[in-house]
Amino acid sequence: MRALQELGYGTLHCRGALQKVSLKALPSKLPASNVLVDRETYEENFLNADGMLPKTEAAIFRDLHPHKEEIMPSRDYVS
């Protein structure tokens, strides 16, 4: 996750000592030399819900995102 952050693909956030999460970069903020992922696929999947992540946790992580004002809530995250 730290390597992805250094490449511009997200931000590493630590909640407590054990819980670490990588907050994905917005599709519009991906690095210009995008070699790790196809931009179109990334955009299509950016707001997909993680089936293993409870909705309350998803909301917490969405609120932590450095560009949260640009993230439209997915219907899968709405409580």
N, C-alpha and C. Protein backbone atom coordinates (compact mmCIF):
# COMPACT_ATOMS: atom_id res chain seq x y z
N MET A 1 0.82 -1.19 0.00
CA MET A 1 0.00 0.00 0.00
C MET A 1 0.87 1.26 0.00
N ARG A 2 1.98 1.19 0.71
CA ARG A 2 2.88 2.34 0.76
C ARG A 2 3.47 2.61 -0.63
N ALA A 3 3.82 1.54 -1.36
CA ALA A 3 4.37 1.70 -2.70
C ALA A 3 3.34 2.32 -3.64
N LEU A 4 2.07 1.91 -3.52
CA LEU A 4 1.02 2.49 -4.35
C LEU A 4 0.85 3.97 -4.04
N GLN A 5 0.95 4.33 -2.76
CA GLN A 5 0.87 5.74 -2.39
C GLN A 5 2.00 6.53 -3.03
N GLU A 6 3.20 5.99 -2.98
CA GLU A 6 4.35 6.67 -3.56
C GLU A 6 4.21 6.84 -5.07
N LEU A 7 3.49 5.94 -5.72
CA LEU A 7 3.26 6.02 -7.17
C LEU A 7 2.08 6.92 -7.53
N GLY A 8 1.32 7.39 -6.51
CA GLY A 8 0.20 8.28 -6.75
C GLY A 8 -1.14 7.59 -6.93
N TYR A 9 -1.25 6.34 -6.51
CA TYR A 9 -2.49 5.58 -6.70
C TYR A 9 -3.40 5.59 -5.47
N GLY A 10 -3.07 6.37 -4.47
CA GLY A 10 -3.92 6.44 -3.30
C GLY A 10 -3.16 7.01 -2.12
N THR A 11 -3.83 6.98 -0.97
CA THR A 11 -3.27 7.50 0.26
C THR A 11 -3.38 6.42 1.32
N LEU A 12 -2.31 6.14 2.00
CA LEU A 12 -2.32 5.16 3.08
C LEU A 12 -2.80 5.83 4.35
N HIS A 13 -3.78 5.22 5.00
CA HIS A 13 -4.31 5.77 6.25
C HIS A 13 -4.29 4.68 7.30
N CYS A 14 -3.88 5.03 8.50
CA CYS A 14 -3.84 4.08 9.61
C CYS A 14 -4.87 4.50 10.65
N ARG A 15 -5.73 3.57 11.00
CA ARG A 15 -6.70 3.78 12.08
C ARG A 15 -6.25 2.88 13.21
N GLY A 16 -5.62 3.46 14.20
CA GLY A 16 -5.11 2.66 15.29
C GLY A 16 -3.84 1.93 14.86
N ALA A 17 -3.40 1.02 15.69
CA ALA A 17 -2.14 0.32 15.43
C ALA A 17 -2.29 -0.79 14.40
N LEU A 18 -3.47 -1.37 14.29
CA LEU A 18 -3.62 -2.56 13.45
C LEU A 18 -4.37 -2.34 12.14
N GLN A 19 -5.22 -1.34 12.07
CA GLN A 19 -6.07 -1.18 10.90
C GLN A 19 -5.45 -0.20 9.92
N LYS A 20 -5.05 -0.70 8.78
CA LYS A 20 -4.48 0.14 7.73
C LYS A 20 -5.34 -0.01 6.48
N VAL A 21 -5.53 1.08 5.78
CA VAL A 21 -6.34 1.04 4.57
C VAL A 21 -5.72 1.97 3.54
N SER A 22 -5.84 1.58 2.28
CA SER A 22 -5.39 2.42 1.19
C SER A 22 -6.63 3.06 0.58
N LEU A 23 -6.68 4.39 0.64
CA LEU A 23 -7.79 5.14 0.06
C LEU A 23 -7.44 5.41 -1.39
N LYS A 24 -8.20 4.82 -2.31
CA LYS A 24 -7.88 4.91 -3.74
C LYS A 24 -7.88 6.36 -4.22
N ALA A 25 -6.96 6.66 -5.12
CA ALA A 25 -6.93 7.98 -5.75
C ALA A 25 -8.14 8.12 -6.66
N LEU A 26 -8.68 9.32 -6.74
CA LEU A 26 -9.76 9.58 -7.68
C LEU A 26 -9.26 9.31 -9.09
N PRO A 27 -10.12 8.84 -9.98
CA PRO A 27 -9.69 8.61 -11.36
C PRO A 27 -9.05 9.85 -11.98
N SER A 28 -9.57 11.02 -11.64
CA SER A 28 -9.02 12.27 -12.19
C SER A 28 -7.66 12.62 -11.59
N LYS A 29 -7.28 11.95 -10.50
CA LYS A 29 -6.01 12.25 -9.84
C LYS A 29 -4.94 11.18 -10.10
N LEU A 30 -5.24 10.20 -10.95
CA LEU A 30 -4.25 9.18 -11.26
C LEU A 30 -3.03 9.80 -11.91
N PRO A 31 -1.86 9.21 -11.69
CA PRO A 31 -0.67 9.74 -12.34
C PRO A 31 -0.78 9.65 -13.86
N ALA A 32 -0.16 10.61 -14.55
CA ALA A 32 -0.22 10.64 -16.01
C ALA A 32 0.39 9.38 -16.63
N SER A 33 1.49 8.92 -16.08
CA SER A 33 2.11 7.70 -16.59
C SER A 33 1.49 6.51 -15.88
N ASN A 34 0.28 6.19 -16.27
CA ASN A 34 -0.53 5.18 -15.61
C ASN A 34 -0.17 3.79 -16.15
N VAL A 35 0.72 3.09 -15.47
CA VAL A 35 1.16 1.80 -15.96
C VAL A 35 0.56 0.63 -15.19
N LEU A 36 -0.01 0.88 -14.02
CA LEU A 36 -0.49 -0.23 -13.20
C LEU A 36 -1.93 -0.63 -13.48
N VAL A 37 -2.71 0.29 -14.02
CA VAL A 37 -4.13 0.01 -14.19
C VAL A 37 -4.67 0.74 -15.42
N ASP A 38 -5.62 0.12 -16.08
CA ASP A 38 -6.31 0.74 -17.20
C ASP A 38 -7.27 1.80 -16.65
N ARG A 39 -7.12 3.05 -17.08
CA ARG A 39 -7.91 4.16 -16.53
C ARG A 39 -9.41 3.92 -16.66
N GLU A 40 -9.87 3.41 -17.79
CA GLU A 40 -11.30 3.19 -18.00
C GLU A 40 -11.84 2.16 -17.00
N THR A 41 -11.12 1.08 -16.79
CA THR A 41 -11.53 0.06 -15.83
C THR A 41 -11.54 0.63 -14.42
N TYR A 42 -10.52 1.41 -14.11
CA TYR A 42 -10.42 2.04 -12.80
C TYR A 42 -11.63 2.94 -12.55
N GLU A 43 -11.98 3.77 -13.54
CA GLU A 43 -13.14 4.67 -13.39
C GLU A 43 -14.43 3.88 -13.20
N GLU A 44 -14.60 2.79 -13.94
CA GLU A 44 -15.80 1.97 -13.83
C GLU A 44 -15.94 1.34 -12.46
N ASN A 45 -14.81 0.99 -11.86
CA ASN A 45 -14.83 0.27 -10.60
C ASN A 45 -14.54 1.12 -9.37
N PHE A 46 -14.29 2.42 -9.55
CA PHE A 46 -13.84 3.26 -8.45
C PHE A 46 -14.81 3.23 -7.26
N LEU A 47 -16.10 3.36 -7.51
CA LEU A 47 -17.06 3.43 -6.41
C LEU A 47 -17.72 2.09 -6.07
N ASN A 48 -17.21 1.00 -6.64
CA ASN A 48 -17.78 -0.29 -6.29
C ASN A 48 -17.63 -0.55 -4.80
N ALA A 49 -18.66 -1.11 -4.22
CA ALA A 49 -18.63 -1.42 -2.79
C ALA A 49 -17.84 -2.70 -2.55
N ASP A 50 -17.14 -2.74 -1.46
CA ASP A 50 -16.43 -3.94 -1.02
C ASP A 50 -17.43 -4.77 -0.23
N GLY A 51 -17.77 -5.93 -0.74
CA GLY A 51 -18.76 -6.79 -0.09
C GLY A 51 -18.38 -7.24 1.31
N MET A 52 -17.10 -7.21 1.63
CA MET A 52 -16.64 -7.64 2.94
C MET A 52 -16.61 -6.49 3.96
N LEU A 53 -16.75 -5.25 3.50
CA LEU A 53 -16.64 -4.09 4.37
C LEU A 53 -18.04 -3.64 4.79
N PRO A 54 -18.31 -3.63 6.11
CA PRO A 54 -19.63 -3.16 6.56
C PRO A 54 -19.88 -1.72 6.11
N LYS A 55 -21.16 -1.39 5.84
CA LYS A 55 -21.49 -0.06 5.34
C LYS A 55 -21.04 1.05 6.28
N THR A 56 -21.08 0.80 7.58
CA THR A 56 -20.64 1.83 8.53
C THR A 56 -19.14 2.09 8.38
N GLU A 57 -18.36 1.03 8.17
CA GLU A 57 -16.92 1.19 7.96
C GLU A 57 -16.65 1.89 6.63
N ALA A 58 -17.39 1.54 5.59
CA ALA A 58 -17.21 2.17 4.29
C ALA A 58 -17.45 3.67 4.41
N ALA A 59 -18.46 4.07 5.15
CA ALA A 59 -18.75 5.50 5.34
C ALA A 59 -17.61 6.19 6.08
N ILE A 60 -17.04 5.53 7.07
CA ILE A 60 -15.92 6.10 7.82
C ILE A 60 -14.73 6.33 6.89
N PHE A 61 -14.39 5.33 6.09
CA PHE A 61 -13.25 5.46 5.19
C PHE A 61 -13.51 6.49 4.10
N ARG A 62 -14.75 6.55 3.61
CA ARG A 62 -15.09 7.55 2.60
C ARG A 62 -14.89 8.96 3.19
N ASP A 63 -15.28 9.14 4.46
CA ASP A 63 -15.12 10.44 5.11
C ASP A 63 -13.65 10.79 5.33
N LEU A 64 -12.77 9.80 5.41
CA LEU A 64 -11.34 10.04 5.59
C LEU A 64 -10.63 10.43 4.30
N HIS A 65 -11.27 10.17 3.17
CA HIS A 65 -10.62 10.38 1.87
C HIS A 65 -10.23 11.83 1.69
N PRO A 66 -9.01 12.10 1.23
CA PRO A 66 -8.56 13.48 1.07
C PRO A 66 -9.37 14.30 0.05
N HIS A 67 -10.10 13.62 -0.82
CA HIS A 67 -10.93 14.31 -1.82
C HIS A 67 -12.39 13.91 -1.66
N LYS A 68 -12.83 13.75 -0.40
CA LYS A 68 -14.18 13.24 -0.15
C LYS A 68 -15.27 14.12 -0.77
N GLU A 69 -15.01 15.41 -0.92
CA GLU A 69 -16.03 16.29 -1.51
C GLU A 69 -16.27 15.97 -2.98
N GLU A 70 -15.34 15.25 -3.61
CA GLU A 70 -15.49 14.89 -5.01
C GLU A 70 -16.06 13.49 -5.21
N ILE A 71 -16.24 12.76 -4.12
CA ILE A 71 -16.73 11.39 -4.21
C ILE A 71 -18.24 11.39 -4.07
N MET A 72 -18.90 10.87 -5.08
CA MET A 72 -20.35 10.72 -5.01
C MET A 72 -20.65 9.40 -4.31
N PRO A 73 -21.51 9.41 -3.29
CA PRO A 73 -21.80 8.15 -2.60
C PRO A 73 -22.43 7.13 -3.55
N SER A 74 -21.92 5.93 -3.49
CA SER A 74 -22.48 4.84 -4.27
C SER A 74 -23.76 4.37 -3.61
N ARG A 75 -24.72 3.89 -4.39
CA ARG A 75 -25.96 3.37 -3.80
C ARG A 75 -25.67 2.22 -2.85
N ASP A 76 -24.56 1.54 -3.05
CA ASP A 76 -24.21 0.42 -2.19
C ASP A 76 -23.75 0.88 -0.82
N TYR A 77 -23.35 2.14 -0.69
CA TYR A 77 -22.89 2.66 0.59
C TYR A 77 -23.98 3.34 1.38
N VAL A 78 -25.08 3.69 0.73
CA VAL A 78 -26.14 4.43 1.40
C VAL A 78 -26.81 3.51 2.42
N SER A 79 -26.96 4.03 3.62
CA SER A 79 -27.59 3.22 4.69
C SER A 79 -29.09 3.32 4.62
